[in-house]
Amino acid sequence: MLRIGMLTSGGDCQALNAAMRGVVKGLANSKQEIEVYGFMNGYKGLIYGDYRLLSKSEFSGILTKGGTILGSSRQPFKLMRVPDENGLDKVEAMKQTYYKLNLGCLVILGGNGTQKTANLLREEGLNVIHLPKTIDNDIYGTDVTFGFQSAINIATDAIDCIHTTAASHNRVFIVEVMGHKVGWLTLHAGIAGGADIILLPEIPYDIKKVAEAIEHRTQAGKGFTILAVAEGAISKEDAKLSKKELKKKREKSKYPSISYEIAAEIQAATGTEVRVTVPGHTQRGGSPTPYDRVLCTRLGAAAAQAILDKDFGNMVAMVNGETKRVPLESVAGKLKAVDPDSQIIKEIKQIGISFGD
């Protein structure tokens, strides 16, 4: 009997169910008798023993279903070694749950913080497999994460819809796209949606350059401008501040997010009316795109094979169109950011899109 545990941790996305389905179907077709235990609400379920035995039928019909049938929660990695309010040792509690159920492997689906905890459990002697999930596409060691393409579609649709009202009213519109630390989602949605200015965390902007780009369009007879702005976009001035100084400044800010601050600065510099649209958590919602369904089916099947091979301690990645087992110890804690000097940035600048730098 092969017993595996599964959990989904961190922010949700559209293709978590599809990935879990891929794993279970891959194992079921091996003709080996299996039991699958689902831990509810991420690591919280593993810590506090909140789990249930899942039937194979529960993985049917979920390929197209967004979210996660197991629920999710954020359990910061930096607090994993800190006892909870009742003094519980979280790491020991997770290990005890694992051994109590006599698990052969724990399949963990999540992003960077989730991955770091997965590696911690590997270091503690547990058999783990990690599947890279995040709409940010910022996990090091894989070309793409599941959820990314689905989120691109939603963010692009938001920019598409803004085009008509921006053109009708001759206004400047800012569409704020998710992404605190990296700008992959904003970059791809901005390109696909035909944004005129794209502001990313990796490329600090000069508000004067942003205003110049808008005025250049106005002088060329184009009455509107659309900016795709990442949540984590940062000015050149703020980029020089320490993390502590930046946090203090933002705590005192009167603006709900960076997009509203940029809007106010643009209005002051150009006299142009600016509107802000924030798609927010809609970018995590809905059904996974066909691309993500295929990706998750492949990653899930590859994870199943790794389990059957007893090759643990890996992330199942997609590299150059092929699934690959990447040791967790080589990627945990690393961030895949947009390179300001990369080919894609140079090509997009070539067609006239401004990055505010």
Protein backbone atom coordinates (compact mmCIF):
# COMPACT_ATOMS: atom_id res chain seq x y z
CA MET A 1 0.00 0.00 0.00
CA LEU A 2 1.34 3.38 -1.04
CA ARG A 3 0.10 6.23 1.12
CA ILE A 4 0.65 9.80 -0.01
CA GLY A 5 -0.37 13.13 1.45
CA MET A 6 -1.28 16.23 -0.55
CA LEU A 7 -1.61 19.87 0.39
CA THR A 8 -1.98 23.21 -1.37
CA SER A 9 -0.36 26.17 0.36
CA GLY A 10 -0.13 29.93 -0.16
CA GLY A 11 -2.28 31.92 -2.56
CA ASP A 12 -4.68 29.92 -4.67
CA CYS A 13 -4.69 29.79 -8.46
CA GLN A 14 -6.74 28.31 -11.25
CA ALA A 15 -4.90 25.00 -11.81
CA LEU A 16 -4.26 23.49 -8.39
CA ASN A 17 -7.02 20.93 -8.84
CA ALA A 18 -5.74 19.99 -12.28
CA ALA A 19 -2.26 19.33 -10.86
CA MET A 20 -3.55 17.16 -8.01
CA ARG A 21 -5.68 15.23 -10.49
CA GLY A 22 -2.59 14.59 -12.63
CA VAL A 23 -0.70 13.13 -9.66
CA VAL A 24 -3.52 10.84 -8.53
CA LYS A 25 -4.36 9.61 -12.01
CA GLY A 26 -0.69 8.97 -12.68
CA LEU A 27 -0.44 6.83 -9.56
CA ALA A 28 -3.78 5.08 -10.11
CA ASN A 29 -2.74 3.89 -13.54
CA SER A 30 0.35 2.24 -12.06
CA LYS A 31 -1.97 -0.50 -10.75
CA GLN A 32 -0.44 -0.05 -7.32
CA GLU A 33 -2.88 0.18 -4.43
CA ILE A 34 -2.84 3.74 -3.08
CA GLU A 35 -4.37 5.90 -0.38
CA VAL A 36 -4.42 9.67 -0.71
CA TYR A 37 -4.75 11.90 2.35
CA GLY A 38 -5.64 15.51 1.77
CA PHE A 39 -4.52 18.07 4.32
CA MET A 40 -6.96 20.93 4.67
CA ASN A 41 -5.90 24.56 4.28
CA GLY A 42 -2.24 24.02 3.48
CA TYR A 43 0.43 23.41 6.11
CA LYS A 44 -2.14 24.25 8.76
CA GLY A 45 -3.80 20.88 8.11
CA LEU A 46 -0.46 19.08 8.40
CA ILE A 47 0.42 20.92 11.62
CA TYR A 48 -2.90 20.37 13.39
CA GLY A 49 -3.85 17.01 11.91
CA ASP A 50 -6.77 18.29 9.85
CA TYR A 51 -6.97 15.78 7.02
CA ARG A 52 -9.25 13.29 5.31
CA LEU A 53 -8.86 10.20 3.17
CA LEU A 54 -9.72 11.14 -0.41
CA SER A 55 -11.45 8.79 -2.84
CA LYS A 56 -10.33 8.52 -6.46
CA SER A 57 -13.74 9.83 -7.54
CA GLU A 58 -12.98 13.17 -5.88
CA PHE A 59 -10.33 13.78 -8.54
CA SER A 60 -12.76 13.28 -11.41
CA GLY A 61 -14.33 16.36 -12.96
CA ILE A 62 -11.88 18.83 -11.40
CA LEU A 63 -9.58 19.42 -14.39
CA THR A 64 -11.49 22.59 -15.28
CA LYS A 65 -12.34 23.66 -11.72
CA GLY A 66 -10.41 26.63 -10.33
CA GLY A 67 -9.25 27.04 -6.75
CA THR A 68 -8.44 23.99 -4.64
CA ILE A 69 -10.66 21.27 -3.20
CA LEU A 70 -8.33 21.12 -0.19
CA GLY A 71 -8.39 24.82 0.67
CA SER A 72 -5.26 26.88 1.25
CA SER A 73 -3.66 29.23 3.74
CA ARG A 74 -0.47 31.21 4.13
CA GLN A 75 1.99 29.90 6.70
CA PRO A 76 5.07 32.17 6.53
CA PHE A 77 8.29 30.19 6.31
CA LYS A 78 10.05 32.53 8.75
CA LEU A 79 7.54 31.51 11.44
CA MET A 80 7.75 27.75 10.90
CA ARG A 81 10.37 27.37 13.62
CA VAL A 82 8.42 29.67 15.95
CA PRO A 83 5.99 27.86 18.31
CA ASP A 84 2.32 28.76 17.93
CA GLU A 85 0.31 30.60 20.59
CA ASN A 86 -0.03 27.35 22.55
CA GLY A 87 3.66 26.56 22.39
CA LEU A 88 3.29 23.89 19.70
CA ASP A 89 6.43 23.05 17.73
CA LYS A 90 5.05 23.25 14.18
CA VAL A 91 7.84 21.33 12.50
CA GLU A 92 7.64 18.45 14.98
CA ALA A 93 3.85 18.46 14.67
CA MET A 94 4.08 18.12 10.88
CA LYS A 95 6.52 15.24 11.22
CA GLN A 96 4.29 13.48 13.74
CA THR A 97 1.28 13.75 11.42
CA TYR A 98 3.35 12.39 8.53
CA TYR A 99 4.57 9.38 10.52
CA LYS A 100 1.19 8.77 12.17
CA LEU A 101 -0.35 8.22 8.73
CA ASN A 102 2.65 6.17 7.60
CA LEU A 103 3.00 8.28 4.48
CA GLY A 104 5.40 7.29 1.73
CA CYS A 105 5.47 10.80 0.29
CA LEU A 106 4.04 14.27 0.77
CA VAL A 107 3.09 16.13 -2.43
CA ILE A 108 3.23 19.87 -1.84
CA LEU A 109 1.77 22.38 -4.31
CA GLY A 110 2.71 26.01 -3.83
CA GLY A 111 4.99 28.95 -4.47
CA ASN A 112 8.25 30.23 -3.01
CA GLY A 113 7.37 30.22 0.68
CA THR A 114 5.69 26.85 0.32
CA GLN A 115 8.77 25.52 -1.43
CA LYS A 116 11.08 26.67 1.37
CA THR A 117 9.01 24.80 3.92
CA ALA A 118 8.96 21.75 1.63
CA ASN A 119 12.75 21.85 1.62
CA LEU A 120 12.77 22.19 5.40
CA LEU A 121 10.68 19.02 5.66
CA ARG A 122 13.09 17.29 3.27
CA GLU A 123 15.94 18.29 5.58
CA GLU A 124 13.95 16.79 8.46
CA GLY A 125 13.87 13.44 6.66
CA LEU A 126 10.42 13.43 5.05
CA ASN A 127 9.86 12.27 1.47
CA VAL A 128 8.53 15.29 -0.41
CA ILE A 129 7.73 16.28 -3.98
CA HIS A 130 7.02 19.93 -4.82
CA LEU A 131 4.90 21.17 -7.73
CA PRO A 132 5.54 24.83 -8.70
CA LYS A 133 2.41 26.93 -8.41
CA THR A 134 2.15 30.71 -8.62
CA ILE A 135 0.58 33.28 -10.90
CA ASP A 136 3.81 35.29 -10.49
CA ASN A 137 5.98 32.76 -12.40
CA ASP A 138 8.85 33.59 -10.05
CA ILE A 139 9.99 30.12 -8.97
CA TYR A 140 13.62 29.52 -9.80
CA GLY A 141 14.47 26.35 -11.73
CA THR A 142 11.34 26.05 -13.86
CA ASP A 143 10.51 27.88 -17.07
CA VAL A 144 6.88 28.28 -16.11
CA THR A 145 4.63 27.79 -13.09
CA PHE A 146 1.04 26.68 -13.31
CA GLY A 147 -1.48 29.46 -12.78
CA PHE A 148 0.69 31.95 -14.67
CA GLN A 149 -0.93 31.60 -18.09
CA SER A 150 -4.44 31.62 -16.62
CA ALA A 151 -3.68 34.84 -14.74
CA ILE A 152 -2.20 36.40 -17.89
CA ASN A 153 -5.50 35.80 -19.66
CA ILE A 154 -7.51 37.57 -16.95
CA ALA A 155 -5.13 40.52 -16.60
CA THR A 156 -5.00 40.87 -20.39
CA ASP A 157 -8.80 40.85 -20.58
CA ALA A 158 -8.86 43.68 -18.03
CA ILE A 159 -6.47 45.75 -20.14
CA ASP A 160 -8.46 44.92 -23.30
CA CYS A 161 -11.67 46.16 -21.68
CA ILE A 162 -9.99 49.38 -20.56
CA HIS A 163 -8.98 50.24 -24.15
CA THR A 164 -12.49 51.19 -25.27
CA THR A 165 -13.33 53.46 -22.33
CA ALA A 166 -9.84 55.01 -22.38
CA ALA A 167 -10.23 55.83 -26.07
CA SER A 168 -13.78 57.13 -25.61
CA HIS A 169 -12.84 59.57 -22.84
CA ASN A 170 -9.26 60.41 -23.90
CA ARG A 171 -7.93 59.48 -20.51
CA VAL A 172 -4.89 57.88 -19.02
CA PHE A 173 -5.72 54.55 -17.42
CA ILE A 174 -3.62 52.49 -15.03
CA VAL A 175 -4.33 48.78 -14.69
CA GLU A 176 -2.68 47.41 -11.55
CA VAL A 177 -1.54 43.82 -12.02
CA MET A 178 -0.56 41.40 -9.24
CA GLY A 179 3.14 40.96 -8.51
CA HIS A 180 4.88 42.41 -5.44
CA LYS A 181 8.43 41.24 -6.05
CA VAL A 182 8.55 40.31 -9.73
CA GLY A 183 6.91 41.59 -12.89
CA TRP A 184 6.43 38.56 -15.13
CA LEU A 185 2.64 38.76 -15.01
CA THR A 186 2.55 42.50 -15.62
CA LEU A 187 5.10 42.21 -18.42
CA HIS A 188 3.22 39.52 -20.33
CA ALA A 189 -0.25 40.96 -19.74
CA GLY A 190 1.00 44.42 -20.65
CA ILE A 191 2.45 43.19 -23.94
CA ALA A 192 -0.59 41.07 -24.77
CA GLY A 193 -3.01 43.87 -23.84
CA GLY A 194 -1.20 46.54 -25.84
CA ALA A 195 -0.23 48.70 -22.87
CA ASP A 196 1.83 51.77 -23.77
CA ILE A 197 3.80 51.88 -20.51
CA ILE A 198 4.76 48.91 -18.34
CA LEU A 199 6.15 49.44 -14.83
CA LEU A 200 7.87 46.52 -13.11
CA PRO A 201 9.54 45.98 -9.71
CA GLU A 202 12.78 45.04 -11.48
CA ILE A 203 13.00 48.30 -13.45
CA PRO A 204 12.66 51.34 -11.15
CA TYR A 205 10.78 54.11 -12.94
CA ASP A 206 11.36 57.84 -13.25
CA ILE A 207 7.98 59.61 -13.09
CA LYS A 208 9.35 62.28 -15.42
CA LYS A 209 10.04 59.62 -18.04
CA VAL A 210 6.53 58.25 -17.56
CA ALA A 211 5.03 61.73 -18.04
CA GLU A 212 7.19 62.27 -21.13
CA ALA A 213 5.94 59.03 -22.67
CA ILE A 214 2.34 60.12 -22.10
CA GLU A 215 2.92 63.58 -23.55
CA HIS A 216 4.70 62.06 -26.55
CA ARG A 217 1.58 60.03 -27.31
CA THR A 218 -0.62 63.11 -26.89
CA GLN A 219 1.54 65.11 -29.30
CA ALA A 220 1.31 62.25 -31.78
CA GLY A 221 -2.47 62.62 -31.77
CA LYS A 222 -3.19 59.66 -29.51
CA GLY A 223 -5.68 60.80 -26.94
CA PHE A 224 -5.24 58.04 -24.40
CA THR A 225 -2.50 56.04 -22.71
CA ILE A 226 -2.68 52.74 -20.85
CA LEU A 227 -0.21 51.77 -18.16
CA ALA A 228 0.20 48.21 -16.85
CA VAL A 229 1.63 48.66 -13.36
CA ALA A 230 2.81 45.85 -11.09
CA GLU A 231 1.80 46.01 -7.42
CA GLY A 232 5.46 46.14 -6.57
CA ALA A 233 6.47 48.83 -9.06
CA ILE A 234 8.97 51.19 -7.48
CA SER A 235 10.37 54.62 -8.32
CA LYS A 236 14.08 55.24 -8.69
CA GLU A 237 14.00 57.36 -5.55
CA ASP A 238 12.30 54.66 -3.46
CA ALA A 239 14.62 51.98 -4.86
CA LYS A 240 17.50 53.74 -3.09
CA LEU A 241 15.81 53.37 0.31
CA SER A 242 16.48 50.50 2.69
CA LYS A 243 13.69 47.97 3.24
CA LYS A 244 13.02 49.52 6.64
CA GLU A 245 12.86 53.05 5.24
CA LEU A 246 10.61 51.99 2.37
CA LYS A 247 8.23 50.16 4.69
CA LYS A 248 8.01 53.21 6.95
CA LYS A 249 7.32 55.49 3.99
CA ARG A 250 4.55 53.26 2.64
CA GLU A 251 2.92 52.98 6.05
CA LYS A 252 2.58 56.76 6.07
CA SER A 253 1.35 56.95 2.45
CA LYS A 254 -2.17 58.27 1.87
CA TYR A 255 -2.54 56.09 -1.22
CA PRO A 256 -4.06 52.58 -1.12
CA SER A 257 -1.44 51.29 -3.57
CA ILE A 258 1.42 52.43 -5.79
CA SER A 259 -0.89 52.85 -8.78
CA TYR A 260 -2.84 55.63 -7.06
CA GLU A 261 0.38 57.40 -6.16
CA ILE A 262 1.56 57.19 -9.77
CA ALA A 263 -1.83 58.45 -10.96
CA ALA A 264 -1.58 61.52 -8.71
CA GLU A 265 1.95 62.25 -9.93
CA ILE A 266 0.94 61.92 -13.58
CA GLN A 267 -2.00 64.29 -13.10
CA ALA A 268 0.28 66.81 -11.40
CA ALA A 269 2.91 66.56 -14.15
CA THR A 270 0.64 66.54 -17.21
CA GLY A 271 -2.73 67.88 -16.14
CA THR A 272 -4.27 64.77 -17.68
CA GLU A 273 -7.13 62.93 -16.03
CA VAL A 274 -6.04 59.49 -14.75
CA ARG A 275 -8.15 56.52 -13.67
CA VAL A 276 -6.99 53.38 -11.85
CA THR A 277 -8.42 49.89 -12.29
CA VAL A 278 -7.43 47.04 -9.97
CA PRO A 279 -8.50 43.55 -11.16
CA GLY A 280 -7.16 42.19 -7.87
CA HIS A 281 -8.03 38.62 -6.93
CA THR A 282 -9.98 38.05 -10.14
CA GLN A 283 -6.52 37.23 -11.53
CA ARG A 284 -6.47 34.11 -9.35
CA GLY A 285 -10.01 33.05 -10.17
CA GLY A 286 -12.02 31.21 -12.76
CA SER A 287 -11.14 28.09 -14.73
CA PRO A 288 -7.59 27.23 -15.77
CA THR A 289 -6.67 27.89 -19.38
CA PRO A 290 -6.10 24.93 -21.72
CA TYR A 291 -2.35 25.64 -21.46
CA ASP A 292 -2.41 25.28 -17.68
CA ARG A 293 -4.56 22.14 -17.90
CA VAL A 294 -1.98 20.50 -20.15
CA LEU A 295 0.93 21.77 -18.02
CA CYS A 296 -0.59 20.46 -14.79
CA THR A 297 -1.47 17.11 -16.29
CA ARG A 298 2.15 16.69 -17.39
CA LEU A 299 3.63 17.91 -14.09
CA GLY A 300 1.24 15.71 -12.13
CA ALA A 301 2.08 12.62 -14.19
CA ALA A 302 5.81 13.36 -13.82
CA ALA A 303 5.38 13.74 -10.05
CA ALA A 304 3.58 10.39 -9.92
CA GLN A 305 6.48 8.74 -11.73
CA ALA A 306 9.00 10.33 -9.33
CA ILE A 307 7.01 8.88 -6.42
CA LEU A 308 6.96 5.43 -8.02
CA ASP A 309 10.71 5.73 -8.61
CA LYS A 310 11.14 6.76 -4.97
CA ASP A 311 13.07 9.80 -6.15
CA PHE A 312 12.12 12.35 -3.50
CA GLY A 313 13.30 15.79 -2.44
CA ASN A 314 12.62 17.30 -5.86
CA MET A 315 10.55 19.97 -7.54
CA VAL A 316 8.96 18.75 -10.76
CA ALA A 317 9.77 21.54 -13.21
CA MET A 318 9.21 22.34 -16.87
CA VAL A 319 12.50 23.08 -18.64
CA ASN A 320 12.72 23.61 -22.40
CA GLY A 321 9.38 21.89 -22.91
CA GLU A 322 10.30 18.80 -20.88
CA THR A 323 9.47 17.83 -17.30
CA LYS A 324 12.52 17.63 -15.07
CA ARG A 325 13.23 16.71 -11.45
CA VAL A 326 15.11 19.56 -9.82
CA PRO A 327 16.59 19.07 -6.31
CA LEU A 328 14.80 21.29 -3.82
CA GLU A 329 18.05 22.17 -2.09
CA SER A 330 19.28 23.83 -5.30
CA VAL A 331 16.26 26.09 -5.82
CA ALA A 332 14.53 26.74 -2.47
CA GLY A 333 14.77 30.36 -1.44
CA LYS A 334 15.74 31.62 -4.89
CA LEU A 335 13.61 34.06 -6.87
CA LYS A 336 13.29 34.17 -10.65
CA ALA A 337 13.05 37.86 -11.54
CA VAL A 338 12.74 39.68 -14.86
CA ASP A 339 16.18 40.62 -16.16
CA PRO A 340 16.13 44.31 -17.22
CA ASP A 341 18.75 43.48 -19.87
CA SER A 342 16.94 40.42 -21.21
CA GLN A 343 15.99 39.96 -24.85
CA ILE A 344 12.27 40.33 -24.19
CA ILE A 345 12.73 43.73 -22.53
CA LYS A 346 14.92 44.96 -25.40
CA GLU A 347 12.39 43.75 -27.98
CA ILE A 348 9.46 45.44 -26.25
CA LYS A 349 11.39 48.70 -25.96
CA GLN A 350 12.12 48.38 -29.67
CA ILE A 351 8.42 48.67 -30.52
CA GLY A 352 8.07 51.82 -28.40
CA ILE A 353 6.72 50.59 -25.09
CA SER A 354 8.14 52.58 -22.19
CA PHE A 355 9.31 51.07 -18.91
CA GLY A 356 9.71 54.48 -17.31
CA ASP A 357 13.47 54.22 -17.14
